[in-house]
Amino acid sequence: MTTETIQHPESNTHATIAASIGFNCFDFRTHVDGRAVNVIEGDLGILQSGGVSLRGIPILCPFPNRIREGRYSWAGATYELGPDDVTYDGTGNAIHGFCHDRPWRVVERGGHFVTGEFQLSVDAPRRAALWPSDFSIRMRYEVGDAKLWAIATVTNMGRQPMPFGLGFHPYFQLPLGADSKATRCTVQVPVRQQWDLNDCLPSGSKSEISDELPLSDGVYYGQAKLDHLFTGVESAGGAIETSIIDEPAGLQLTHRFDSTFPHVVIYTPPGRESVCIEPYTCISDAINLHEAVPDSGLLVLEPAESFTGRFEIRIGPVIV
């Protein structure tokens, strides 16, 4: 097991990344006004035992979420991702891409930052034939004063156009304060619509969010069981800002990401006190739906072309 710890001593902030399991940041802790805050729900033992997408911040590429039955067509060729090749969910669909469960190479490190790289043909060569083109993804994590931020760069390393999507799957631990409760925390995400799902796969249609789930204003954790794919996300200055507010603790988690991630999954894992706010560049199964659903968000990189996406997680007092 290879892990990398980065730290910002002045604010007593640190993060630990499992380089040998998907470059998953499974631990991020800091202090606010002298109080310790454990931000990420992470368990290295669960990651090591095969729960590679169940804790920490799994990195999802070249497709976030699911591909129906692990089968798709592209440029006249048909591809099948067997359950022996990639991770599958419990209903027969390939899930979460090629790099969340594989070792990454650390290519740069400093006291407060670390960069990892995964290239399909190098780090998962048995999977190279499962995608239309070879690709690499570089991920730089950095910590500062009560914050963690990341920059991901995906590059088409092959000779053919490469379809792809990128997503991040952070598990946020609740409550934020030791003397609070998860049910006193509110989750706020500026979304207006949701994709209609059948067994977690989009049908291609959208609907307006009901008044019973006012996510733009904030809903209390536990008010609804969530495993929904949202869109119609409001952005400002090229960024989307979401938050978790722990009222009794007087603490606020702000999760900010580029507006190039216009789709957001919100997931409340059953039996646990955590919530995922997952930015995606595309919807689930976009590689099968992109022709029928123009706003699926599927991206295509030409040979040697790159895409860069960013997110930031910071903790502080409640912003009034």
Protein backbone atom coordinates (compact mmCIF):
# COMPACT_ATOMS: atom_id res chain seq x y z
CA MET A 1 0.00 0.00 0.00
CA THR A 2 1.41 3.36 -1.09
CA THR A 3 0.03 6.51 0.50
CA GLU A 4 1.05 10.15 0.21
CA THR A 5 0.38 12.73 2.93
CA ILE A 6 0.41 16.45 2.20
CA GLN A 7 0.09 19.14 4.85
CA HIS A 8 -0.22 22.83 5.58
CA PRO A 9 1.36 23.12 9.05
CA GLU A 10 0.26 26.70 9.69
CA SER A 11 -3.42 25.68 9.74
CA ASN A 12 -2.90 22.09 10.91
CA THR A 13 -4.45 20.87 7.64
CA HIS A 14 -3.49 17.60 6.01
CA ALA A 15 -4.72 15.10 3.43
CA THR A 16 -3.69 11.53 2.66
CA ILE A 17 -4.01 9.94 -0.76
CA ALA A 18 -3.95 6.22 -1.55
CA ALA A 19 -1.70 6.28 -4.62
CA SER A 20 -2.03 2.54 -5.10
CA ILE A 21 -5.85 2.63 -5.02
CA GLY A 22 -7.00 5.09 -7.65
CA PHE A 23 -5.14 8.09 -6.17
CA ASN A 24 -8.08 8.29 -3.78
CA CYS A 25 -7.91 11.10 -1.20
CA PHE A 26 -9.39 9.17 1.71
CA ASP A 27 -8.48 11.54 4.55
CA PHE A 28 -8.75 15.34 4.78
CA ARG A 29 -8.62 16.99 8.21
CA THR A 30 -8.21 20.55 9.36
CA HIS A 31 -8.87 22.93 12.25
CA VAL A 32 -11.24 25.88 12.39
CA ASP A 33 -11.03 28.19 15.41
CA GLY A 34 -9.11 25.50 17.25
CA ARG A 35 -11.68 22.78 16.54
CA ALA A 36 -10.71 19.62 14.65
CA VAL A 37 -12.82 18.89 11.56
CA ASN A 38 -12.77 15.53 9.77
CA VAL A 39 -14.10 16.36 6.31
CA ILE A 40 -13.96 13.12 4.32
CA GLU A 41 -15.57 9.82 5.24
CA GLY A 42 -12.62 7.56 4.57
CA ASP A 43 -11.59 4.07 5.61
CA LEU A 44 -8.36 2.66 4.21
CA GLY A 45 -9.33 -0.85 5.26
CA ILE A 46 -12.52 -0.72 3.20
CA LEU A 47 -10.60 0.58 0.18
CA GLN A 48 -8.03 -2.19 0.55
CA SER A 49 -10.70 -4.89 0.88
CA GLY A 50 -12.29 -4.00 -2.46
CA GLY A 51 -14.61 -1.12 -1.60
CA VAL A 52 -12.69 1.16 -3.94
CA SER A 53 -15.63 3.46 -4.67
CA LEU A 54 -17.20 3.40 -1.21
CA ARG A 55 -15.03 5.90 0.69
CA GLY A 56 -12.80 8.91 0.17
CA ILE A 57 -12.80 10.71 -3.20
CA PRO A 58 -12.87 8.16 -6.04
CA ILE A 59 -11.81 9.59 -9.44
CA LEU A 60 -14.13 8.52 -12.25
CA CYS A 61 -12.71 8.46 -15.79
CA PRO A 62 -13.22 7.95 -18.75
CA PHE A 63 -16.85 7.55 -17.71
CA PRO A 64 -18.51 8.57 -14.44
CA ASN A 65 -21.27 6.42 -13.02
CA ARG A 66 -22.65 3.73 -15.34
CA ILE A 67 -22.58 2.25 -18.83
CA ARG A 68 -25.65 0.14 -19.46
CA GLU A 69 -24.75 -3.55 -19.41
CA GLY A 70 -21.13 -2.55 -20.01
CA ARG A 71 -21.74 -2.25 -23.73
CA TYR A 72 -21.48 0.67 -26.17
CA SER A 73 -20.65 1.52 -29.78
CA TRP A 74 -18.32 4.20 -31.12
CA ALA A 75 -17.12 5.04 -34.66
CA GLY A 76 -18.57 1.83 -36.05
CA ALA A 77 -17.04 -0.49 -33.44
CA THR A 78 -18.80 -2.22 -30.55
CA TYR A 79 -17.15 -2.51 -27.15
CA GLU A 80 -18.02 -4.84 -24.30
CA LEU A 81 -16.72 -4.28 -20.78
CA GLY A 82 -17.01 -7.59 -19.00
CA PRO A 83 -17.37 -7.92 -15.22
CA ASP A 84 -13.90 -9.47 -15.18
CA ASP A 85 -12.56 -6.33 -16.86
CA VAL A 86 -14.06 -3.49 -14.78
CA THR A 87 -16.21 -2.82 -11.73
CA TYR A 88 -19.92 -3.64 -12.02
CA ASP A 89 -22.88 -2.51 -9.95
CA GLY A 90 -25.49 -4.88 -8.58
CA THR A 91 -27.78 -4.61 -11.60
CA GLY A 92 -25.44 -5.57 -14.42
CA ASN A 93 -23.92 -2.23 -15.44
CA ALA A 94 -20.26 -1.21 -15.67
CA ILE A 95 -19.54 1.56 -13.21
CA HIS A 96 -17.05 4.37 -12.48
CA GLY A 97 -14.46 4.02 -15.21
CA PHE A 98 -11.01 2.47 -15.43
CA CYS A 99 -8.77 4.30 -12.97
CA HIS A 100 -10.53 4.39 -9.57
CA ASP A 101 -9.34 0.91 -8.64
CA ARG A 102 -5.84 0.85 -10.17
CA PRO A 103 -2.43 2.01 -8.90
CA TRP A 104 -1.30 5.47 -10.02
CA ARG A 105 2.25 6.73 -10.38
CA VAL A 106 3.37 9.67 -8.25
CA VAL A 107 5.12 12.05 -10.64
CA GLU A 108 5.59 15.13 -8.44
CA ARG A 109 5.48 15.84 -4.73
CA GLY A 110 6.12 18.65 -2.28
CA GLY A 111 5.22 19.31 1.33
CA HIS A 112 1.74 20.66 0.56
CA PHE A 113 1.00 19.03 -2.82
CA VAL A 114 1.28 15.76 -4.72
CA THR A 115 0.57 14.84 -8.36
CA GLY A 116 -0.36 11.40 -9.61
CA GLU A 117 -0.72 10.06 -13.12
CA PHE A 118 -2.64 7.18 -14.67
CA GLN A 119 -2.31 6.17 -18.33
CA LEU A 120 -4.61 3.47 -19.60
CA SER A 121 -2.07 1.59 -21.74
CA VAL A 122 0.61 1.80 -19.02
CA ASP A 123 -1.26 1.33 -15.76
CA ALA A 124 -4.15 -0.90 -16.88
CA PRO A 125 -2.97 -2.43 -20.18
CA ARG A 126 -5.59 -5.20 -20.10
CA ARG A 127 -8.24 -2.48 -20.32
CA ALA A 128 -6.64 -0.59 -23.21
CA ALA A 129 -8.76 -2.38 -25.83
CA LEU A 130 -11.95 -1.43 -23.98
CA TRP A 131 -11.85 2.26 -24.99
CA PRO A 132 -11.54 3.92 -28.42
CA SER A 133 -8.26 5.65 -27.53
CA ASP A 134 -5.51 5.57 -25.00
CA PHE A 135 -5.62 8.42 -22.45
CA SER A 136 -3.83 9.78 -19.42
CA ILE A 137 -5.15 11.64 -16.40
CA ARG A 138 -3.01 13.74 -14.06
CA MET A 139 -4.36 14.77 -10.68
CA ARG A 140 -2.69 17.35 -8.45
CA TYR A 141 -3.89 17.65 -4.86
CA GLU A 142 -2.89 20.62 -2.75
CA VAL A 143 -3.78 21.75 0.78
CA GLY A 144 -3.89 25.26 2.18
CA ASP A 145 -5.52 27.10 5.05
CA ALA A 146 -8.49 24.79 5.88
CA LYS A 147 -8.92 23.81 2.24
CA LEU A 148 -8.11 21.12 -0.28
CA TRP A 149 -8.12 21.67 -4.01
CA ALA A 150 -7.42 19.52 -7.03
CA ILE A 151 -6.66 19.99 -10.72
CA ALA A 152 -7.26 17.09 -13.12
CA THR A 153 -5.98 17.04 -16.70
CA VAL A 154 -7.19 14.37 -19.14
CA THR A 155 -5.20 13.96 -22.37
CA ASN A 156 -5.93 11.87 -25.45
CA MET A 157 -2.74 9.85 -25.88
CA GLY A 158 -3.96 7.92 -28.92
CA ARG A 159 -4.41 8.55 -32.61
CA GLN A 160 -8.20 8.56 -32.72
CA PRO A 161 -10.80 10.97 -31.25
CA MET A 162 -11.57 9.99 -27.68
CA PRO A 163 -15.01 10.22 -26.07
CA PHE A 164 -14.92 10.63 -22.31
CA GLY A 165 -16.45 11.98 -19.16
CA LEU A 166 -14.87 12.89 -15.84
CA GLY A 167 -16.37 12.86 -12.37
CA PHE A 168 -15.41 13.02 -8.70
CA HIS A 169 -17.20 11.13 -5.90
CA PRO A 170 -16.37 12.77 -2.53
CA TYR A 171 -17.92 11.29 0.61
CA PHE A 172 -18.44 14.15 3.08
CA GLN A 173 -18.56 13.10 6.73
CA LEU A 174 -21.46 14.45 8.82
CA PRO A 175 -21.81 16.25 11.11
CA LEU A 176 -18.99 18.75 10.72
CA GLY A 177 -18.85 19.54 14.45
CA ALA A 178 -18.33 17.01 17.23
CA ASP A 179 -21.26 18.35 19.29
CA SER A 180 -23.74 18.43 16.39
CA LYS A 181 -25.91 15.92 14.55
CA ALA A 182 -26.04 14.93 10.89
CA THR A 183 -29.76 15.72 10.78
CA ARG A 184 -29.03 19.34 11.73
CA CYS A 185 -26.85 19.80 8.63
CA THR A 186 -28.30 21.30 5.47
CA VAL A 187 -27.17 20.43 1.94
CA GLN A 188 -27.41 23.19 -0.65
CA VAL A 189 -26.81 22.63 -4.38
CA PRO A 190 -27.98 25.23 -6.96
CA VAL A 191 -29.85 22.88 -9.31
CA ARG A 192 -33.17 23.34 -11.11
CA GLN A 193 -33.76 20.04 -12.90
CA GLN A 194 -33.14 16.34 -12.51
CA TRP A 195 -32.63 13.60 -15.05
CA ASP A 196 -35.36 10.96 -14.97
CA LEU A 197 -33.74 7.67 -13.96
CA ASN A 198 -34.61 4.01 -14.28
CA ASP A 199 -32.40 1.90 -12.00
CA CYS A 200 -29.86 4.76 -11.82
CA LEU A 201 -29.69 5.11 -15.63
CA PRO A 202 -31.08 8.21 -17.40
CA SER A 203 -34.06 7.74 -19.68
CA GLY A 204 -33.04 10.86 -21.62
CA SER A 205 -35.77 13.11 -20.25
CA LYS A 206 -35.62 15.71 -17.48
CA SER A 207 -38.10 17.08 -14.97
CA GLU A 208 -38.28 20.09 -12.70
CA ILE A 209 -37.28 19.54 -9.09
CA SER A 210 -40.31 19.30 -6.82
CA ASP A 211 -40.99 21.85 -4.11
CA GLU A 212 -40.47 19.05 -1.59
CA LEU A 213 -36.77 18.97 -2.45
CA PRO A 214 -35.63 22.63 -2.51
CA LEU A 215 -31.94 21.92 -2.94
CA SER A 216 -31.18 25.43 -4.14
CA ASP A 217 -32.31 26.77 -0.77
CA GLY A 218 -30.96 23.84 1.24
CA VAL A 219 -32.50 20.67 2.65
CA TYR A 220 -31.75 18.97 5.93
CA TYR A 221 -29.74 15.78 5.71
CA GLY A 222 -32.09 12.83 6.07
CA GLN A 223 -35.06 14.75 4.69
CA ALA A 224 -34.87 12.51 1.61
CA LYS A 225 -32.93 9.48 0.50
CA LEU A 226 -30.92 10.64 -2.46
CA ASP A 227 -29.29 8.90 -5.39
CA HIS A 228 -30.31 11.43 -8.03
CA LEU A 229 -28.67 12.99 -11.08
CA PHE A 230 -29.31 16.74 -11.28
CA THR A 231 -28.67 19.40 -13.91
CA GLY A 232 -29.72 22.97 -14.65
CA VAL A 233 -26.90 23.97 -12.31
CA GLU A 234 -26.48 27.68 -11.64
CA SER A 235 -22.94 28.99 -11.96
CA ALA A 236 -21.23 32.30 -11.33
CA GLY A 237 -17.89 33.41 -12.69
CA GLY A 238 -17.29 30.05 -14.35
CA ALA A 239 -17.78 28.07 -11.13
CA ILE A 240 -20.52 26.20 -9.28
CA GLU A 241 -20.67 26.46 -5.51
CA THR A 242 -22.40 24.00 -3.20
CA SER A 243 -22.41 23.86 0.57
CA ILE A 244 -23.08 21.82 3.67
CA ILE A 245 -23.99 23.92 6.70
CA ASP A 246 -23.76 22.50 10.22
CA GLU A 247 -25.91 24.98 12.11
CA PRO A 248 -25.20 23.91 15.73
CA ALA A 249 -21.46 23.77 15.06
CA GLY A 250 -21.42 27.08 13.19
CA LEU A 251 -19.38 25.44 10.41
CA GLN A 252 -19.78 25.45 6.65
CA LEU A 253 -18.24 23.20 4.03
CA THR A 254 -18.06 24.79 0.59
CA HIS A 255 -17.53 22.53 -2.41
CA ARG A 256 -16.70 24.57 -5.50
CA PHE A 257 -16.02 23.20 -8.99
CA ASP A 258 -15.76 24.39 -12.58
CA SER A 259 -18.92 25.00 -14.58
CA THR A 260 -17.57 22.41 -17.06
CA PHE A 261 -19.19 19.96 -14.60
CA PRO A 262 -22.87 20.81 -15.31
CA HIS A 263 -24.32 17.57 -13.88
CA VAL A 264 -24.30 16.67 -10.19
CA VAL A 265 -25.15 13.42 -8.46
CA ILE A 266 -26.26 13.73 -4.84
CA TYR A 267 -26.06 10.46 -2.95
CA THR A 268 -26.78 9.59 0.68
CA PRO A 269 -25.23 6.18 1.39
CA PRO A 270 -27.69 3.99 3.32
CA GLY A 271 -26.87 3.33 6.93
CA ARG A 272 -24.14 5.98 7.10
CA GLU A 273 -23.92 9.63 8.09
CA SER A 274 -22.36 11.08 4.96
CA VAL A 275 -23.39 12.70 1.71
CA CYS A 276 -21.79 12.78 -1.73
CA ILE A 277 -21.98 15.84 -3.96
CA GLU A 278 -20.50 14.53 -7.21
CA PRO A 279 -19.62 16.86 -10.10
CA TYR A 280 -19.80 15.20 -13.55
CA THR A 281 -18.96 16.53 -16.98
CA CYS A 282 -21.59 14.21 -18.46
CA ILE A 283 -24.59 12.17 -17.45
CA SER A 284 -24.48 8.46 -16.71
CA ASP A 285 -24.37 6.28 -19.83
CA ALA A 286 -23.61 9.35 -21.96
CA ILE A 287 -21.63 7.30 -24.45
CA ASN A 288 -24.83 5.42 -25.34
CA LEU A 289 -27.16 8.41 -25.09
CA HIS A 290 -25.20 11.24 -26.70
CA GLU A 291 -26.81 11.00 -30.14
CA ALA A 292 -30.37 11.00 -28.77
CA VAL A 293 -29.64 13.42 -25.91
CA PRO A 294 -27.64 16.42 -27.23
CA ASP A 295 -27.00 17.82 -23.74
CA SER A 296 -25.68 14.53 -22.36
CA GLY A 297 -22.33 16.27 -21.87
CA LEU A 298 -20.17 13.65 -23.57
CA LEU A 299 -16.82 15.23 -24.45
CA VAL A 300 -14.51 14.28 -27.32
CA LEU A 301 -10.79 15.00 -27.37
CA GLU A 302 -8.76 15.01 -30.56
CA PRO A 303 -5.32 13.33 -30.48
CA ALA A 304 -2.97 15.17 -28.07
CA GLU A 305 -5.82 17.46 -26.92
CA SER A 306 -6.40 17.94 -23.18
CA PHE A 307 -9.22 18.87 -20.81
CA THR A 308 -8.67 20.39 -17.37
CA GLY A 309 -11.17 20.44 -14.49
CA ARG A 310 -10.87 21.73 -10.93
CA PHE A 311 -12.58 21.48 -7.58
CA GLU A 312 -12.00 22.96 -4.14
CA ILE A 313 -13.25 21.95 -0.68
CA ARG A 314 -12.90 24.43 2.15
CA ILE A 315 -14.15 24.64 5.74
CA GLY A 316 -14.90 27.71 7.78
CA PRO A 317 -17.46 29.51 9.92
CA VAL A 318 -20.98 29.74 8.53
CA ILE A 319 -21.20 32.48 5.90
CA VAL A 320 -24.10 34.76 6.81
